[in-house]
């Protein structure tokens, strides 16, 4: 997928007419929502068909029905947000992480007549 992205970036290079066009600029230009799923979301339809034929199922739903007992299935619709692009979710994570505070650890401090191993201190 990396090579495919590089080729697309080079093609965009010609279209935009610039001499330098990074993958990051390409992602920002197109919103980066088309990159993550191509790298991380399951098998293609053809791969699914081969797998289903091999195990004797007609659909993924049939496979799920055979694999997950009825009494443990979650039947309510999921309350989920709209999907975010890779860069949008990274910004959200950075914003959350910026709220972290670093505190000094006082584990093992102040104890007298006690041998506290260095690994704990």
Protein backbone atom coordinates (compact mmCIF):
# COMPACT_ATOMS: atom_id res chain seq x y z
CA UNK A 1 0.00 0.00 0.00
CA UNK A 2 2.94 2.31 0.64
CA UNK A 3 4.09 2.02 -2.97
CA UNK A 4 0.53 2.62 -4.16
CA UNK A 5 0.37 5.79 -2.03
CA UNK A 6 3.74 6.96 -3.35
CA UNK A 7 2.62 6.43 -6.96
CA UNK A 8 -0.57 8.36 -6.26
CA UNK A 9 1.47 11.17 -4.70
CA UNK A 10 3.71 11.26 -7.76
CA UNK A 11 0.65 11.39 -10.01
CA UNK A 12 -0.72 14.26 -7.94
CA UNK A 13 2.68 15.90 -8.34
CA UNK A 14 2.13 16.07 -12.07
CA UNK A 15 -1.46 17.26 -11.70
CA UNK A 16 -0.65 20.00 -9.19
CA UNK A 17 2.49 20.97 -11.08
CA UNK A 18 4.78 21.20 -8.06
CA UNK A 19 8.19 19.65 -7.75
CA UNK A 20 7.64 18.37 -4.21
CA UNK A 21 4.43 16.85 -2.90
CA UNK A 22 4.62 14.79 0.27
CA UNK A 23 2.30 11.98 1.32
CA UNK A 24 1.20 14.18 4.24
CA UNK A 25 0.12 16.94 1.83
CA UNK A 26 -1.68 14.36 -0.28
CA UNK A 27 -3.51 13.10 2.81
CA UNK A 28 -4.49 16.61 3.88
CA UNK A 29 -5.67 17.45 0.36
CA UNK A 30 -7.92 14.41 0.12
CA UNK A 31 -8.94 14.39 3.77
CA UNK A 32 -7.06 11.17 4.56
CA UNK A 33 -10.32 9.26 5.00
CA UNK A 34 -9.52 6.92 2.14
CA UNK A 35 -6.21 5.58 3.49
CA UNK A 36 -6.80 3.85 6.85
CA UNK A 37 -9.42 1.31 5.81
CA UNK A 38 -7.36 0.11 2.86
CA UNK A 39 -4.57 -0.84 5.25
CA UNK A 40 -6.58 -2.18 8.19
CA UNK A 41 -10.11 -3.31 7.35
CA UNK A 42 -10.42 -7.04 6.75
CA UNK A 43 -10.33 -9.11 3.58
CA UNK A 44 -11.67 -8.09 0.19
CA UNK A 45 -14.94 -9.56 -1.15
CA UNK A 46 -13.08 -12.09 -3.28
CA UNK A 47 -11.07 -13.25 -0.23
CA UNK A 48 -14.28 -13.51 1.79
CA UNK A 49 -15.93 -15.63 -0.90
CA UNK A 50 -12.99 -18.07 -0.97
CA UNK A 51 -13.03 -18.32 2.84
CA UNK A 52 -16.81 -18.85 2.98
CA UNK A 53 -16.68 -21.51 0.26
CA UNK A 54 -13.88 -23.29 2.12
CA UNK A 55 -15.85 -23.48 5.38
CA UNK A 56 -19.22 -24.12 3.74
CA UNK A 57 -21.09 -20.90 4.54
CA UNK A 58 -23.14 -18.80 2.13
CA UNK A 59 -22.54 -15.46 3.89
CA UNK A 60 -20.73 -13.76 6.76
CA UNK A 61 -24.06 -13.62 8.59
CA UNK A 62 -24.36 -17.41 8.36
CA UNK A 63 -20.78 -17.76 9.64
CA UNK A 64 -21.61 -15.47 12.58
CA UNK A 65 -24.80 -17.42 13.31
CA UNK A 66 -22.83 -20.68 13.38
CA UNK A 67 -19.96 -19.27 15.46
CA UNK A 68 -21.71 -17.11 18.08
CA UNK A 69 -24.34 -18.73 20.30
CA UNK A 70 -27.72 -16.96 20.28
CA UNK A 71 -27.76 -16.45 24.06
CA UNK A 72 -24.59 -14.30 24.12
CA UNK A 73 -25.33 -12.03 21.13
CA UNK A 74 -25.73 -8.30 21.67
CA UNK A 75 -29.08 -7.42 20.11
CA UNK A 76 -29.34 -3.66 20.67
CA UNK A 77 -28.02 -1.23 18.05
CA UNK A 78 -24.64 0.26 18.93
CA UNK A 79 -24.58 3.94 19.91
CA UNK A 80 -21.53 5.02 17.91
CA UNK A 81 -20.26 8.32 16.58
CA UNK A 82 -19.73 8.97 12.89
CA UNK A 83 -16.40 7.54 11.68
CA UNK A 84 -13.36 9.82 11.73
CA UNK A 85 -10.38 9.91 9.42
CA UNK A 86 -6.96 8.77 10.59
CA UNK A 87 -5.69 12.33 11.06
CA UNK A 88 -8.87 13.47 12.83
CA UNK A 89 -8.66 10.67 15.37
CA UNK A 90 -4.96 11.37 15.97
CA UNK A 91 -5.82 15.01 16.71
CA UNK A 92 -8.50 13.85 19.17
CA UNK A 93 -6.00 11.52 20.87
CA UNK A 94 -3.40 14.31 21.11
CA UNK A 95 -5.98 16.62 22.67
CA UNK A 96 -6.92 13.98 25.27
CA UNK A 97 -3.25 13.12 25.96
CA UNK A 98 -2.40 16.80 26.50
CA UNK A 99 -4.56 16.68 29.65
CA UNK A 100 -2.25 14.08 31.25
CA UNK A 101 -0.29 15.27 34.27
CA UNK A 102 3.05 13.87 35.38
CA UNK A 103 3.36 13.38 39.13
CA UNK A 104 6.38 12.44 41.22
CA UNK A 105 6.14 8.95 42.66
CA UNK A 106 6.66 8.77 46.41
CA UNK A 107 6.34 5.01 46.70
CA UNK A 108 8.78 3.80 49.36
CA UNK A 109 9.62 7.30 50.62
CA UNK A 110 9.36 8.10 54.34
CA UNK A 111 9.51 4.56 55.64
CA UNK A 112 12.11 4.15 58.41
CA UNK A 113 13.74 0.92 59.51
CA UNK A 114 12.58 -0.63 56.26
CA UNK A 115 14.70 -1.87 53.40
CA UNK A 116 12.94 -0.85 50.19
CA UNK A 117 14.41 -2.51 47.09
CA UNK A 118 15.75 -0.13 44.45
CA UNK A 119 13.35 -1.51 41.84
CA UNK A 120 10.43 -0.20 43.90
CA UNK A 121 12.06 3.17 44.54
